[in-house]
Amino acid sequence: MAAFRSFEDIEAWQSARQLNQAVWSQISTGAFGKDYALSDQINRSAGSTMDNIAEGFDGGSDAEFARFLRYSQRSCSEVKSQLYRALDRSHISEAVFNELIALANEIHKKVGSLIHYLTR
């Protein structure tokens, strides 16, 4: 297992938590929050990004952890796709979109690096 004492020590999880908070701040007010299907979906995807890191950490093996990290990456990609939908529907500004996409890309890369570490 990677040299972490808890999932909260993992930078990718910390960044995913930031993404989750940023997504929540966008969907909790205004028109975005009234687009119930999209706001629910992006909220769940952002949550899954961090939750799968936490769940995989307790998986018992590096292989199991890596499997859940791949789920986390997929959820992160979902968030990115949903951010495009939110932008196209004018729920978020281009500046907010760029900030959240950059954060999602950072998370995806961090998780990928952790997968590489665990599987080499």
Protein backbone atom coordinates (compact mmCIF):
# COMPACT_ATOMS: atom_id res chain seq x y z
CA MET A 1 0.00 0.00 0.00
CA ALA A 2 1.15 3.54 -0.65
CA ALA A 3 2.79 5.38 2.24
CA PHE A 4 -0.29 7.26 3.43
CA ARG A 5 -1.71 7.04 6.92
CA SER A 6 -5.22 8.01 5.84
CA PHE A 7 -7.02 8.96 2.68
CA GLU A 8 -7.09 12.56 3.92
CA ASP A 9 -3.29 12.63 3.45
CA ILE A 10 -3.62 12.05 -0.29
CA GLU A 11 -3.20 15.24 -2.33
CA ALA A 12 -5.56 13.99 -5.02
CA TRP A 13 -8.30 13.52 -2.42
CA GLN A 14 -7.64 16.99 -0.99
CA SER A 15 -7.94 18.50 -4.48
CA ALA A 16 -11.07 16.46 -5.19
CA ARG A 17 -12.56 17.85 -2.00
CA GLN A 18 -11.82 21.37 -3.27
CA LEU A 19 -13.55 20.52 -6.55
CA ASN A 20 -16.54 19.17 -4.67
CA GLN A 21 -16.78 22.39 -2.64
CA ALA A 22 -16.41 24.55 -5.76
CA VAL A 23 -19.11 22.60 -7.59
CA TRP A 24 -21.43 22.91 -4.60
CA SER A 25 -20.94 26.67 -4.47
CA GLN A 26 -22.02 26.88 -8.11
CA ILE A 27 -25.08 24.62 -7.88
CA SER A 28 -26.37 25.88 -4.55
CA THR A 29 -27.58 29.20 -5.96
CA GLY A 30 -29.03 30.62 -9.14
CA ALA A 31 -30.22 28.97 -12.32
CA PHE A 32 -27.70 26.14 -12.11
CA GLY A 33 -29.38 24.86 -8.95
CA LYS A 34 -32.74 24.87 -10.72
CA ASP A 35 -31.41 22.65 -13.49
CA TYR A 36 -32.09 19.73 -11.19
CA ALA A 37 -30.86 16.88 -13.38
CA LEU A 38 -27.55 18.51 -14.25
CA SER A 39 -26.90 19.90 -10.78
CA ASP A 40 -27.63 16.51 -9.19
CA GLN A 41 -25.44 14.71 -11.70
CA ILE A 42 -22.44 17.02 -11.32
CA ASN A 43 -22.81 16.97 -7.54
CA ARG A 44 -22.75 13.17 -7.54
CA SER A 45 -19.80 13.00 -9.95
CA ALA A 46 -17.76 15.48 -7.94
CA GLY A 47 -18.55 13.52 -4.78
CA SER A 48 -17.60 10.23 -6.44
CA THR A 49 -14.27 11.70 -7.49
CA MET A 50 -13.25 12.09 -3.86
CA ASP A 51 -15.25 9.17 -2.45
CA ASN A 52 -13.63 6.58 -4.71
CA ILE A 53 -10.18 7.67 -3.54
CA ALA A 54 -11.30 7.19 0.06
CA GLU A 55 -13.01 3.87 -0.61
CA GLY A 56 -10.08 2.49 -2.58
CA PHE A 57 -7.64 3.46 0.14
CA ASP A 58 -9.29 0.90 2.41
CA GLY A 59 -9.38 -1.75 -0.31
CA GLY A 60 -6.63 -3.86 1.23
CA SER A 61 -4.22 -3.99 -1.70
CA ASP A 62 -2.48 -1.72 -4.17
CA ALA A 63 -4.38 -3.38 -7.02
CA GLU A 64 -7.73 -2.71 -5.36
CA PHE A 65 -6.72 0.88 -4.58
CA ALA A 66 -5.68 1.41 -8.21
CA ARG A 67 -9.04 0.04 -9.40
CA PHE A 68 -10.93 2.60 -7.32
CA LEU A 69 -8.57 5.34 -8.43
CA ARG A 70 -9.57 4.57 -12.01
CA TYR A 71 -13.21 5.02 -10.97
CA SER A 72 -12.22 8.35 -9.46
CA GLN A 73 -10.65 9.42 -12.75
CA ARG A 74 -13.81 8.45 -14.61
CA SER A 75 -15.92 10.49 -12.22
CA CYS A 76 -13.57 13.40 -12.67
CA SER A 77 -14.00 13.13 -16.44
CA GLU A 78 -17.76 13.15 -15.90
CA VAL A 79 -17.44 16.39 -13.94
CA LYS A 80 -15.50 17.91 -16.82
CA SER A 81 -18.16 16.90 -19.34
CA GLN A 82 -20.90 18.27 -17.10
CA LEU A 83 -18.99 21.54 -16.73
CA TYR A 84 -19.17 21.91 -20.52
CA ARG A 85 -22.93 21.41 -20.32
CA ALA A 86 -23.16 24.00 -17.54
CA LEU A 87 -21.16 26.48 -19.62
CA ASP A 88 -23.26 25.81 -22.72
CA ARG A 89 -26.42 26.44 -20.68
CA SER A 90 -24.96 29.68 -19.25
CA HIS A 91 -25.05 28.33 -15.69
CA ILE A 92 -21.42 29.28 -15.15
CA SER A 93 -19.14 31.94 -16.59
CA GLU A 94 -16.20 31.10 -18.78
CA ALA A 95 -13.87 32.19 -15.96
CA VAL A 96 -15.49 29.77 -13.49
CA PHE A 97 -15.49 27.06 -16.15
CA ASN A 98 -11.75 27.54 -16.78
CA GLU A 99 -10.98 27.45 -13.06
CA LEU A 100 -12.97 24.27 -12.46
CA ILE A 101 -11.66 22.52 -15.58
CA ALA A 102 -8.10 23.32 -14.50
CA LEU A 103 -8.79 21.85 -11.06
CA ALA A 104 -10.38 18.74 -12.59
CA ASN A 105 -7.38 18.31 -14.92
CA GLU A 106 -5.04 18.61 -11.93
CA ILE A 107 -6.99 15.95 -10.04
CA HIS A 108 -7.04 13.63 -13.05
CA LYS A 109 -3.26 13.95 -13.36
CA LYS A 110 -2.63 13.42 -9.62
CA VAL A 111 -4.82 10.33 -9.58
CA GLY A 112 -3.08 9.05 -12.70
CA SER A 113 0.30 9.51 -11.06
CA LEU A 114 -0.89 7.58 -8.02
CA ILE A 115 -2.19 4.77 -10.24
CA HIS A 116 1.18 4.64 -11.97
CA TYR A 117 2.97 4.50 -8.62
CA LEU A 118 0.77 1.67 -7.37
CA THR A 119 0.98 -0.44 -10.53
CA ARG A 120 4.67 -0.20 -11.40
